[in-house]
């Protein structure tokens, strides 16, 4: 079994695997449209985490990492991921395309939020999403840590510009710099 990660699983898998491969899935875009009250925010003050949005356009790609899971670890890894992705995500099957051209395309599973889940945040002005990410904090840490680590990991995987991710990375850093300057001037 292969699992594709495009969010925190890229930089923090937290499960046993026997092989890791960098690459992408086609026909999707990555968006911070899922609310998080269980990891990167709190009830009433949710953070935002990524989900895949299906576009159907094979030119749209989301880069991340796929992990090969041994047969004996498959049930335990599925359990870990089902708990980790419990608030609004469902598992889907898709094709994964490795960055290494010597490797072949393979089927993999990934978790994707559906619009009808109770934690769907959906689209919003990018500056509002950035403000929410800058301020949110939950049991797994700050929402900005999630954003920054994901942006850094994706920059290491590919030179492709993930505009939504990298714009949020820049905007949240600007918000934090401005907040820091306001504290210093007080």
N, C-alpha and C. Protein backbone atom coordinates (compact mmCIF):
# COMPACT_ATOMS: atom_id res chain seq x y z
N UNK A 1 0.85 -1.17 0.00
CA UNK A 1 0.00 0.00 0.00
C UNK A 1 0.89 1.24 0.00
N UNK A 2 0.49 2.24 -0.78
CA UNK A 2 1.17 3.52 -0.82
C UNK A 2 0.22 4.62 -0.32
N UNK A 3 0.76 5.54 0.49
CA UNK A 3 0.01 6.68 1.01
C UNK A 3 0.68 7.95 0.49
N UNK A 4 -0.11 8.86 -0.09
CA UNK A 4 0.41 10.15 -0.57
C UNK A 4 0.10 11.23 0.46
N UNK A 5 1.13 11.96 0.85
CA UNK A 5 0.97 13.08 1.76
C UNK A 5 1.29 14.38 1.07
N UNK A 6 0.47 15.39 1.31
CA UNK A 6 0.64 16.70 0.69
C UNK A 6 0.57 17.82 1.73
N UNK A 7 0.40 17.46 2.98
CA UNK A 7 0.36 18.41 4.10
C UNK A 7 1.44 18.04 5.09
N UNK A 8 1.08 17.93 6.36
CA UNK A 8 2.08 17.64 7.39
C UNK A 8 2.72 16.27 7.22
N UNK A 9 2.06 15.37 6.51
CA UNK A 9 2.66 14.04 6.29
C UNK A 9 3.95 14.15 5.47
N UNK A 10 4.11 15.23 4.70
CA UNK A 10 5.34 15.42 3.94
C UNK A 10 6.52 15.57 4.88
N UNK A 11 6.36 16.32 5.96
CA UNK A 11 7.48 16.59 6.86
C UNK A 11 7.37 15.89 8.21
N UNK A 12 6.24 15.24 8.48
CA UNK A 12 6.07 14.56 9.76
C UNK A 12 5.17 13.34 9.58
N UNK A 13 5.70 12.25 9.01
CA UNK A 13 4.83 11.11 8.73
C UNK A 13 4.26 10.41 9.98
N UNK A 14 5.01 10.29 11.04
CA UNK A 14 4.52 9.66 12.29
C UNK A 14 3.97 8.25 12.12
N UNK A 15 4.47 7.50 11.16
CA UNK A 15 4.09 6.10 10.99
C UNK A 15 5.25 5.37 10.32
N UNK A 16 5.23 4.05 10.45
CA UNK A 16 6.30 3.23 9.84
C UNK A 16 6.07 3.09 8.35
N UNK A 17 7.14 3.21 7.61
CA UNK A 17 7.08 3.00 6.16
C UNK A 17 8.39 2.38 5.72
N UNK A 18 8.36 1.76 4.54
CA UNK A 18 9.57 1.10 4.06
C UNK A 18 10.23 1.86 2.91
N UNK A 19 9.51 2.78 2.31
CA UNK A 19 10.06 3.55 1.20
C UNK A 19 9.35 4.90 1.14
N UNK A 20 10.09 5.95 0.82
CA UNK A 20 9.52 7.29 0.64
C UNK A 20 9.92 7.76 -0.75
N UNK A 21 8.95 8.29 -1.48
CA UNK A 21 9.21 8.75 -2.84
C UNK A 21 8.57 10.12 -3.02
N UNK A 22 9.30 11.06 -3.58
CA UNK A 22 8.77 12.39 -3.85
C UNK A 22 8.15 12.43 -5.24
N UNK A 23 7.08 13.21 -5.37
CA UNK A 23 6.40 13.31 -6.65
C UNK A 23 5.11 14.09 -6.53
N UNK A 24 4.16 13.77 -7.40
CA UNK A 24 2.92 14.56 -7.43
C UNK A 24 1.72 13.73 -7.88
N UNK A 25 0.55 14.30 -7.62
CA UNK A 25 -0.70 13.78 -8.16
C UNK A 25 -1.23 14.84 -9.12
N UNK A 26 -1.99 14.39 -10.11
CA UNK A 26 -2.51 15.29 -11.14
C UNK A 26 -4.00 15.50 -10.97
N UNK A 27 -4.47 16.68 -11.46
CA UNK A 27 -5.89 16.97 -11.44
C UNK A 27 -6.38 17.58 -10.15
N UNK A 28 -5.43 18.05 -9.31
CA UNK A 28 -5.78 18.64 -8.02
C UNK A 28 -4.97 19.92 -7.80
N UNK A 29 -5.47 20.76 -6.89
CA UNK A 29 -4.71 21.88 -6.34
C UNK A 29 -4.76 21.75 -4.82
N UNK A 30 -3.76 22.32 -4.14
CA UNK A 30 -3.68 22.29 -2.68
C UNK A 30 -4.23 23.62 -2.16
N UNK A 31 -5.16 23.55 -1.21
CA UNK A 31 -5.74 24.77 -0.64
C UNK A 31 -5.90 24.63 0.87
N UNK A 32 -5.74 25.74 1.58
CA UNK A 32 -5.97 25.81 3.02
C UNK A 32 -7.46 26.08 3.25
N UNK A 33 -8.29 25.12 2.91
CA UNK A 33 -9.74 25.29 2.98
C UNK A 33 -10.39 24.41 4.04
N UNK A 34 -9.60 23.65 4.78
CA UNK A 34 -10.14 22.78 5.83
C UNK A 34 -9.83 23.40 7.19
N UNK A 35 -10.84 23.51 8.03
CA UNK A 35 -10.64 24.04 9.38
C UNK A 35 -10.10 22.95 10.29
N UNK A 36 -9.30 23.36 11.27
CA UNK A 36 -8.72 22.41 12.21
C UNK A 36 -8.96 22.90 13.63
N UNK A 37 -9.81 22.16 14.35
CA UNK A 37 -10.02 22.43 15.77
C UNK A 37 -9.34 21.37 16.63
N UNK A 38 -8.80 20.33 15.99
CA UNK A 38 -8.22 19.22 16.74
C UNK A 38 -6.69 19.21 16.72
N UNK A 39 -6.07 19.88 15.75
CA UNK A 39 -4.60 19.88 15.66
C UNK A 39 -4.01 21.29 15.67
N UNK A 40 -4.44 22.14 14.76
CA UNK A 40 -3.81 23.45 14.58
C UNK A 40 -4.72 24.62 14.96
N UNK A 41 -5.72 24.32 15.73
CA UNK A 41 -6.64 25.34 16.24
C UNK A 41 -7.43 24.73 17.37
N UNK A 42 -8.41 25.48 17.86
CA UNK A 42 -9.24 25.04 18.97
C UNK A 42 -10.71 25.23 18.62
N UNK A 43 -11.60 24.54 19.31
CA UNK A 43 -13.02 24.78 19.07
C UNK A 43 -13.35 26.27 19.24
N UNK A 44 -14.02 26.82 18.27
CA UNK A 44 -14.36 28.25 18.28
C UNK A 44 -13.27 29.14 17.72
N UNK A 45 -12.04 28.63 17.60
CA UNK A 45 -10.92 29.38 17.04
C UNK A 45 -10.07 28.42 16.19
N UNK A 46 -10.67 27.95 15.11
CA UNK A 46 -9.97 26.95 14.30
C UNK A 46 -8.82 27.53 13.50
N UNK A 47 -7.86 26.65 13.24
CA UNK A 47 -6.81 26.97 12.28
C UNK A 47 -7.26 26.49 10.91
N UNK A 48 -6.35 26.57 9.96
CA UNK A 48 -6.63 26.08 8.60
C UNK A 48 -5.51 25.15 8.18
N UNK A 49 -5.91 24.03 7.58
CA UNK A 49 -4.95 23.06 7.06
C UNK A 49 -5.32 22.75 5.62
N UNK A 50 -4.43 22.06 4.93
CA UNK A 50 -4.64 21.84 3.50
C UNK A 50 -5.53 20.65 3.20
N UNK A 51 -6.15 20.76 2.04
CA UNK A 51 -6.85 19.65 1.43
C UNK A 51 -6.60 19.71 -0.07
N UNK A 52 -6.93 18.64 -0.74
CA UNK A 52 -6.88 18.63 -2.19
C UNK A 52 -8.22 19.11 -2.72
N UNK A 53 -8.17 19.90 -3.77
CA UNK A 53 -9.37 20.32 -4.49
C UNK A 53 -9.25 19.74 -5.90
N UNK A 54 -10.22 18.94 -6.27
CA UNK A 54 -10.21 18.33 -7.59
C UNK A 54 -10.55 19.36 -8.66
N UNK A 55 -9.70 19.44 -9.68
CA UNK A 55 -9.95 20.35 -10.79
C UNK A 55 -10.28 19.59 -12.07
N UNK A 56 -9.87 18.32 -12.11
CA UNK A 56 -10.05 17.54 -13.32
C UNK A 56 -9.07 17.89 -14.42
N UNK A 57 -8.24 18.90 -14.20
CA UNK A 57 -7.26 19.35 -15.19
C UNK A 57 -5.94 18.62 -14.93
N UNK A 58 -5.48 17.77 -15.84
CA UNK A 58 -4.24 17.02 -15.61
C UNK A 58 -3.00 17.91 -15.55
N UNK A 59 -3.12 19.17 -15.93
CA UNK A 59 -1.98 20.09 -15.82
C UNK A 59 -1.82 20.61 -14.39
N UNK A 60 -2.88 20.51 -13.58
CA UNK A 60 -2.79 20.90 -12.17
C UNK A 60 -2.14 19.77 -11.40
N UNK A 61 -1.10 20.09 -10.63
CA UNK A 61 -0.37 19.08 -9.88
C UNK A 61 -0.17 19.53 -8.44
N UNK A 62 -0.20 18.59 -7.54
CA UNK A 62 0.13 18.83 -6.13
C UNK A 62 1.32 17.95 -5.80
N UNK A 63 2.39 18.58 -5.35
CA UNK A 63 3.61 17.86 -5.00
C UNK A 63 3.59 17.47 -3.53
N UNK A 64 4.21 16.34 -3.25
CA UNK A 64 4.30 15.83 -1.90
C UNK A 64 5.15 14.58 -1.88
N UNK A 65 4.84 13.69 -0.96
CA UNK A 65 5.62 12.46 -0.81
C UNK A 65 4.68 11.27 -0.66
N UNK A 66 5.06 10.17 -1.28
CA UNK A 66 4.32 8.91 -1.13
C UNK A 66 5.16 7.96 -0.29
N UNK A 67 4.48 7.22 0.55
CA UNK A 67 5.13 6.29 1.47
C UNK A 67 4.62 4.88 1.22
N UNK A 68 5.55 3.95 1.04
CA UNK A 68 5.17 2.56 0.88
C UNK A 68 5.05 1.93 2.26
N UNK A 69 3.91 1.29 2.49
CA UNK A 69 3.62 0.67 3.77
C UNK A 69 3.66 -0.84 3.59
N UNK A 70 4.33 -1.53 4.50
CA UNK A 70 4.40 -2.99 4.41
C UNK A 70 3.03 -3.60 4.69
N UNK A 71 2.81 -4.79 4.20
CA UNK A 71 1.54 -5.49 4.42
C UNK A 71 1.23 -5.63 5.91
N UNK A 72 2.25 -5.95 6.70
CA UNK A 72 2.01 -6.14 8.13
C UNK A 72 1.71 -4.83 8.87
N UNK A 73 2.13 -3.70 8.34
CA UNK A 73 1.87 -2.41 8.98
C UNK A 73 0.64 -1.69 8.43
N UNK A 74 0.05 -2.24 7.37
CA UNK A 74 -1.04 -1.54 6.69
C UNK A 74 -2.20 -1.18 7.63
N UNK A 75 -2.68 -2.12 8.44
CA UNK A 75 -3.82 -1.86 9.33
C UNK A 75 -3.47 -0.80 10.39
N UNK A 76 -2.28 -0.91 10.97
CA UNK A 76 -1.91 0.05 12.02
C UNK A 76 -1.69 1.45 11.44
N UNK A 77 -1.11 1.54 10.26
CA UNK A 77 -0.90 2.85 9.63
C UNK A 77 -2.25 3.47 9.25
N UNK A 78 -3.15 2.67 8.69
CA UNK A 78 -4.49 3.18 8.37
C UNK A 78 -5.17 3.70 9.63
N UNK A 79 -5.03 2.98 10.75
CA UNK A 79 -5.64 3.43 12.00
C UNK A 79 -5.04 4.77 12.44
N UNK A 80 -3.72 4.88 12.41
CA UNK A 80 -3.05 6.14 12.80
C UNK A 80 -3.54 7.29 11.92
N UNK A 81 -3.62 7.06 10.62
CA UNK A 81 -4.04 8.12 9.70
C UNK A 81 -5.53 8.42 9.82
N UNK A 82 -6.34 7.42 10.06
CA UNK A 82 -7.78 7.66 10.24
C UNK A 82 -8.03 8.54 11.46
N UNK A 83 -7.25 8.34 12.52
CA UNK A 83 -7.37 9.19 13.72
C UNK A 83 -6.80 10.58 13.43
N UNK A 84 -5.65 10.63 12.82
CA UNK A 84 -5.00 11.91 12.51
C UNK A 84 -5.86 12.77 11.59
N UNK A 85 -6.53 12.17 10.64
CA UNK A 85 -7.31 12.90 9.63
C UNK A 85 -8.82 12.81 9.91
N UNK A 86 -9.19 12.63 11.15
CA UNK A 86 -10.58 12.33 11.50
C UNK A 86 -11.57 13.46 11.27
N UNK A 87 -11.17 14.67 11.39
CA UNK A 87 -12.13 15.78 11.32
C UNK A 87 -12.36 16.27 9.90
N UNK A 88 -13.10 15.46 9.13
CA UNK A 88 -13.55 15.90 7.83
C UNK A 88 -12.88 15.28 6.62
N UNK A 89 -11.89 14.44 6.82
CA UNK A 89 -11.19 13.84 5.68
C UNK A 89 -11.71 12.44 5.39
N UNK A 90 -11.70 12.11 4.10
CA UNK A 90 -12.02 10.75 3.67
C UNK A 90 -10.87 10.27 2.79
N UNK A 91 -10.71 8.98 2.73
CA UNK A 91 -9.61 8.42 1.95
C UNK A 91 -10.08 8.20 0.51
N UNK A 92 -9.20 8.55 -0.42
CA UNK A 92 -9.47 8.35 -1.84
C UNK A 92 -8.27 7.64 -2.47
N UNK A 93 -8.48 7.09 -3.61
CA UNK A 93 -7.39 6.46 -4.37
C UNK A 93 -7.08 7.34 -5.58
N UNK A 94 -5.80 7.52 -5.87
CA UNK A 94 -5.39 8.34 -7.00
C UNK A 94 -4.07 7.81 -7.56
N UNK A 95 -3.64 8.37 -8.67
CA UNK A 95 -2.35 7.99 -9.26
C UNK A 95 -1.27 8.95 -8.78
N UNK A 96 -0.12 8.40 -8.49
CA UNK A 96 1.04 9.16 -8.02
C UNK A 96 2.14 9.06 -9.07
N UNK A 97 2.76 10.20 -9.37
CA UNK A 97 3.81 10.28 -10.39
C UNK A 97 5.12 10.68 -9.70
N UNK A 98 6.07 9.75 -9.58
CA UNK A 98 7.34 10.04 -8.91
C UNK A 98 8.17 11.10 -9.65
N UNK A 99 8.90 11.90 -8.90
CA UNK A 99 9.84 12.86 -9.50
C UNK A 99 10.95 12.13 -10.26
N UNK A 100 11.33 10.97 -9.76
CA UNK A 100 12.36 10.16 -10.39
C UNK A 100 11.76 9.49 -11.62
N UNK A 101 12.17 9.92 -12.79
CA UNK A 101 11.60 9.39 -14.04
C UNK A 101 11.87 7.90 -14.26
N UNK A 102 12.81 7.35 -13.49
CA UNK A 102 13.07 5.92 -13.60
C UNK A 102 12.01 5.09 -12.87
N UNK A 103 11.22 5.75 -12.04
CA UNK A 103 10.16 5.07 -11.29
C UNK A 103 8.84 5.19 -12.06
N UNK A 104 8.00 4.19 -11.94
CA UNK A 104 6.73 4.20 -12.66
C UNK A 104 5.60 4.79 -11.80
N UNK A 105 4.58 5.25 -12.49
CA UNK A 105 3.36 5.72 -11.84
C UNK A 105 2.79 4.59 -10.99
N UNK A 106 2.18 4.95 -9.87
CA UNK A 106 1.58 3.92 -9.02
C UNK A 106 0.30 4.43 -8.37
N UNK A 107 -0.57 3.52 -8.01
CA UNK A 107 -1.78 3.88 -7.28
C UNK A 107 -1.43 4.12 -5.83
N UNK A 108 -2.07 5.11 -5.25
CA UNK A 108 -1.85 5.37 -3.83
C UNK A 108 -3.14 5.90 -3.22
N UNK A 109 -3.17 5.89 -1.91
CA UNK A 109 -4.29 6.45 -1.16
C UNK A 109 -3.88 7.79 -0.58
N UNK A 110 -4.84 8.67 -0.45
CA UNK A 110 -4.59 9.94 0.21
C UNK A 110 -5.88 10.39 0.89
N UNK A 111 -5.76 11.32 1.81
CA UNK A 111 -6.91 11.85 2.53
C UNK A 111 -7.27 13.21 1.96
N UNK A 112 -8.57 13.39 1.74
CA UNK A 112 -9.06 14.61 1.11
C UNK A 112 -10.34 15.04 1.83
N UNK A 113 -10.45 16.32 2.15
CA UNK A 113 -11.66 16.83 2.79
C UNK A 113 -12.74 17.04 1.73
N UNK A 114 -13.95 16.71 2.09
CA UNK A 114 -15.09 16.92 1.20
C UNK A 114 -15.83 18.18 1.65
N UNK A 115 -16.43 18.88 0.72
CA UNK A 115 -17.09 20.15 1.03
C UNK A 115 -18.25 20.02 2.00
N UNK A 116 -18.83 18.85 2.14
CA UNK A 116 -19.98 18.69 3.02
C UNK A 116 -19.59 18.30 4.45
N UNK A 117 -18.29 18.33 4.78
CA UNK A 117 -17.89 17.97 6.14
C UNK A 117 -18.06 19.18 7.07
N UNK A 118 -18.28 18.97 8.37
CA UNK A 118 -18.56 20.08 9.29
C UNK A 118 -17.38 21.03 9.53
N UNK A 119 -16.18 20.65 9.09
CA UNK A 119 -15.01 21.48 9.30
C UNK A 119 -14.54 22.15 8.01
N UNK A 120 -15.40 22.17 7.01
CA UNK A 120 -15.06 22.80 5.74
C UNK A 120 -15.05 24.31 5.92
N UNK A 121 -13.91 24.94 5.67
CA UNK A 121 -13.79 26.39 5.74
C UNK A 121 -13.99 27.03 4.38
N UNK A 122 -13.62 26.29 3.35
CA UNK A 122 -13.80 26.78 1.99
C UNK A 122 -12.91 27.95 1.66
N UNK A 123 -13.18 28.50 0.50
CA UNK A 123 -12.41 29.63 0.00
C UNK A 123 -12.74 30.87 0.81
N UNK A 124 -11.77 31.73 0.91
CA UNK A 124 -11.92 33.04 1.57
C UNK A 124 -10.82 33.93 1.00
N UNK A 125 -10.94 35.23 1.18
CA UNK A 125 -9.84 36.11 0.74
C UNK A 125 -8.52 35.65 1.38
N UNK A 126 -7.48 35.65 0.59
CA UNK A 126 -6.18 35.10 1.02
C UNK A 126 -5.64 35.81 2.26
N UNK A 127 -5.90 37.12 2.39
CA UNK A 127 -5.42 37.83 3.58
C UNK A 127 -6.17 37.39 4.84
N UNK A 128 -7.43 37.00 4.72
CA UNK A 128 -8.18 36.48 5.87
C UNK A 128 -7.68 35.11 6.28
N UNK A 129 -7.38 34.27 5.28
CA UNK A 129 -6.81 32.95 5.59
C UNK A 129 -5.46 33.13 6.29
N UNK A 130 -4.64 34.05 5.80
CA UNK A 130 -3.32 34.31 6.40
C UNK A 130 -3.46 34.77 7.85
N UNK A 131 -4.39 35.67 8.12
CA UNK A 131 -4.61 36.17 9.49
C UNK A 131 -5.04 35.02 10.41
N UNK A 132 -5.93 34.18 9.92
CA UNK A 132 -6.39 33.04 10.71
C UNK A 132 -5.22 32.10 11.02
N UNK A 133 -4.39 31.83 10.03
CA UNK A 133 -3.23 30.95 10.24
C UNK A 133 -2.24 31.59 11.21
N UNK A 134 -2.01 32.88 11.09
CA UNK A 134 -1.06 33.57 11.96
C UNK A 134 -1.48 33.51 13.43
N UNK A 135 -2.78 33.49 13.68
CA UNK A 135 -3.29 33.57 15.05
C UNK A 135 -3.62 32.23 15.70
N UNK A 136 -3.86 31.20 14.90
CA UNK A 136 -4.37 29.93 15.44
C UNK A 136 -3.27 29.08 16.07
N UNK A 137 -3.67 28.38 17.12
CA UNK A 137 -2.77 27.47 17.83
C UNK A 137 -3.63 26.35 18.41
N UNK A 138 -3.13 25.12 18.32
CA UNK A 138 -3.88 23.98 18.84
C UNK A 138 -2.97 22.95 19.49
N UNK A 139 -3.53 21.79 19.82
CA UNK A 139 -2.77 20.74 20.51
C UNK A 139 -1.51 20.28 19.77
N UNK A 140 -1.50 20.37 18.44
CA UNK A 140 -0.32 19.94 17.67
C UNK A 140 0.65 21.08 17.40
N UNK A 141 0.34 22.28 17.91
CA UNK A 141 1.23 23.42 17.72
C UNK A 141 0.55 24.55 16.98
N UNK A 142 1.34 25.54 16.63
CA UNK A 142 0.78 26.72 15.96
C UNK A 142 0.45 26.40 14.51
N UNK A 143 -0.55 27.08 14.01
CA UNK A 143 -0.94 26.91 12.62
C UNK A 143 0.16 27.44 11.71
N UNK A 144 0.83 28.50 12.13
CA UNK A 144 1.90 29.05 11.28
C UNK A 144 3.07 28.07 11.16
N UNK A 145 3.36 27.31 12.22
CA UNK A 145 4.41 26.29 12.13
C UNK A 145 4.06 25.28 11.04
N UNK A 146 2.81 24.84 11.02
CA UNK A 146 2.33 23.91 9.99
C UNK A 146 2.56 24.51 8.60
N UNK A 147 2.16 25.75 8.41
CA UNK A 147 2.34 26.42 7.12
C UNK A 147 3.82 26.54 6.75
N UNK A 148 4.63 27.03 7.66
CA UNK A 148 6.05 27.26 7.36
C UNK A 148 6.78 25.94 7.05
N UNK A 149 6.52 24.91 7.84
CA UNK A 149 7.20 23.62 7.60
C UNK A 149 6.75 23.01 6.28
N UNK A 150 5.46 23.17 5.96
CA UNK A 150 4.98 22.64 4.69
C UNK A 150 5.60 23.40 3.52
N UNK A 151 5.62 24.72 3.58
CA UNK A 151 6.20 25.53 2.51
C UNK A 151 7.68 25.18 2.32
N UNK A 152 8.42 25.05 3.42
CA UNK A 152 9.85 24.69 3.32
C UNK A 152 10.02 23.31 2.69
N UNK A 153 9.19 22.34 3.10
CA UNK A 153 9.30 20.98 2.56
C UNK A 153 8.97 20.95 1.07
N UNK A 154 7.97 21.69 0.65
CA UNK A 154 7.59 21.68 -0.77
C UNK A 154 8.67 22.38 -1.60
N UNK A 155 9.27 23.42 -1.08
CA UNK A 155 10.38 24.08 -1.81
C UNK A 155 11.55 23.13 -2.03
N UNK A 156 11.76 22.23 -1.09
CA UNK A 156 12.84 21.24 -1.23
C UNK A 156 12.48 20.16 -2.26
N UNK A 157 11.18 19.88 -2.43
CA UNK A 157 10.73 18.82 -3.34
C UNK A 157 10.72 19.23 -4.80
N UNK A 158 10.41 20.50 -5.07
CA UNK A 158 10.18 20.91 -6.44
C UNK A 158 10.46 22.39 -6.62
N UNK A 159 10.74 22.76 -7.85
CA UNK A 159 10.89 24.19 -8.17
C UNK A 159 9.57 24.78 -8.67
N UNK A 160 8.52 23.96 -8.72
CA UNK A 160 7.21 24.43 -9.17
C UNK A 160 6.64 25.39 -8.12
N UNK A 161 6.09 26.50 -8.58
CA UNK A 161 5.53 27.50 -7.68
C UNK A 161 4.12 27.08 -7.25
N UNK A 162 3.98 26.75 -5.98
CA UNK A 162 2.66 26.48 -5.41
C UNK A 162 2.15 27.83 -4.90
N UNK A 163 1.50 28.57 -5.78
CA UNK A 163 1.17 29.97 -5.52
C UNK A 163 0.37 30.17 -4.23
N UNK A 164 -0.66 29.38 -4.00
CA UNK A 164 -1.49 29.52 -2.80
C UNK A 164 -0.64 29.32 -1.54
N UNK A 165 0.11 28.25 -1.50
CA UNK A 165 0.96 27.93 -0.35
C UNK A 165 2.01 29.00 -0.11
N UNK A 166 2.73 29.39 -1.16
CA UNK A 166 3.83 30.32 -0.99
C UNK A 166 3.35 31.75 -0.73
N UNK A 167 2.20 32.11 -1.26
CA UNK A 167 1.63 33.42 -0.96
C UNK A 167 1.24 33.49 0.52
N UNK A 168 0.61 32.43 1.02
CA UNK A 168 0.26 32.40 2.44
C UNK A 168 1.50 32.45 3.32
N UNK A 169 2.53 31.73 2.94
CA UNK A 169 3.79 31.74 3.68
C UNK A 169 4.31 33.17 3.80
N UNK A 170 4.32 33.89 2.69
CA UNK A 170 4.81 35.27 2.68
C UNK A 170 3.89 36.19 3.51
N UNK A 171 2.58 36.07 3.34
CA UNK A 171 1.65 36.94 4.05
C UNK A 171 1.70 36.73 5.56
N UNK A 172 1.78 35.48 6.00
CA UNK A 172 1.84 35.21 7.44
C UNK A 172 3.14 35.75 8.02
N UNK A 173 4.24 35.63 7.32
CA UNK A 173 5.50 36.19 7.79
C UNK A 173 5.41 37.71 7.89
N UNK A 174 4.74 38.36 6.93
CA UNK A 174 4.55 39.81 6.99
C UNK A 174 3.69 40.20 8.19
N UNK A 175 2.62 39.44 8.46
CA UNK A 175 1.76 39.71 9.62
C UNK A 175 2.57 39.60 10.91
N UNK A 176 3.38 38.55 11.03
CA UNK A 176 4.16 38.35 12.24
C UNK A 176 5.22 39.43 12.41
N UNK A 177 5.84 39.86 11.32
CA UNK A 177 6.82 40.95 11.38
C UNK A 177 6.15 42.25 11.82
N UNK A 178 5.00 42.53 11.26
CA UNK A 178 4.25 43.75 11.62
C UNK A 178 3.83 43.71 13.09
N UNK A 179 3.35 42.56 13.55
CA UNK A 179 2.97 42.41 14.97
C UNK A 179 4.17 42.61 15.88
N UNK A 180 5.32 42.07 15.48
CA UNK A 180 6.55 42.22 16.26
C UNK A 180 6.97 43.69 16.33
N UNK A 181 6.87 44.39 15.22
CA UNK A 181 7.23 45.81 15.19
C UNK A 181 6.28 46.63 16.04
N UNK A 182 5.00 46.28 16.06
CA UNK A 182 4.03 46.99 16.91
C UNK A 182 4.34 46.80 18.38
N UNK A 183 4.78 45.59 18.75
CA UNK A 183 5.13 45.32 20.16
C UNK A 183 6.36 46.13 20.55
N UNK A 184 7.35 46.19 19.67
CA UNK A 184 8.59 46.93 19.95
C UNK A 184 8.30 48.43 20.10
N UNK A 185 7.38 48.97 19.32
CA UNK A 185 7.11 50.41 19.35
C UNK A 185 6.24 50.81 20.55
N UNK A 186 5.67 49.84 21.25
CA UNK A 186 4.82 50.17 22.41
C UNK A 186 5.64 50.47 23.60
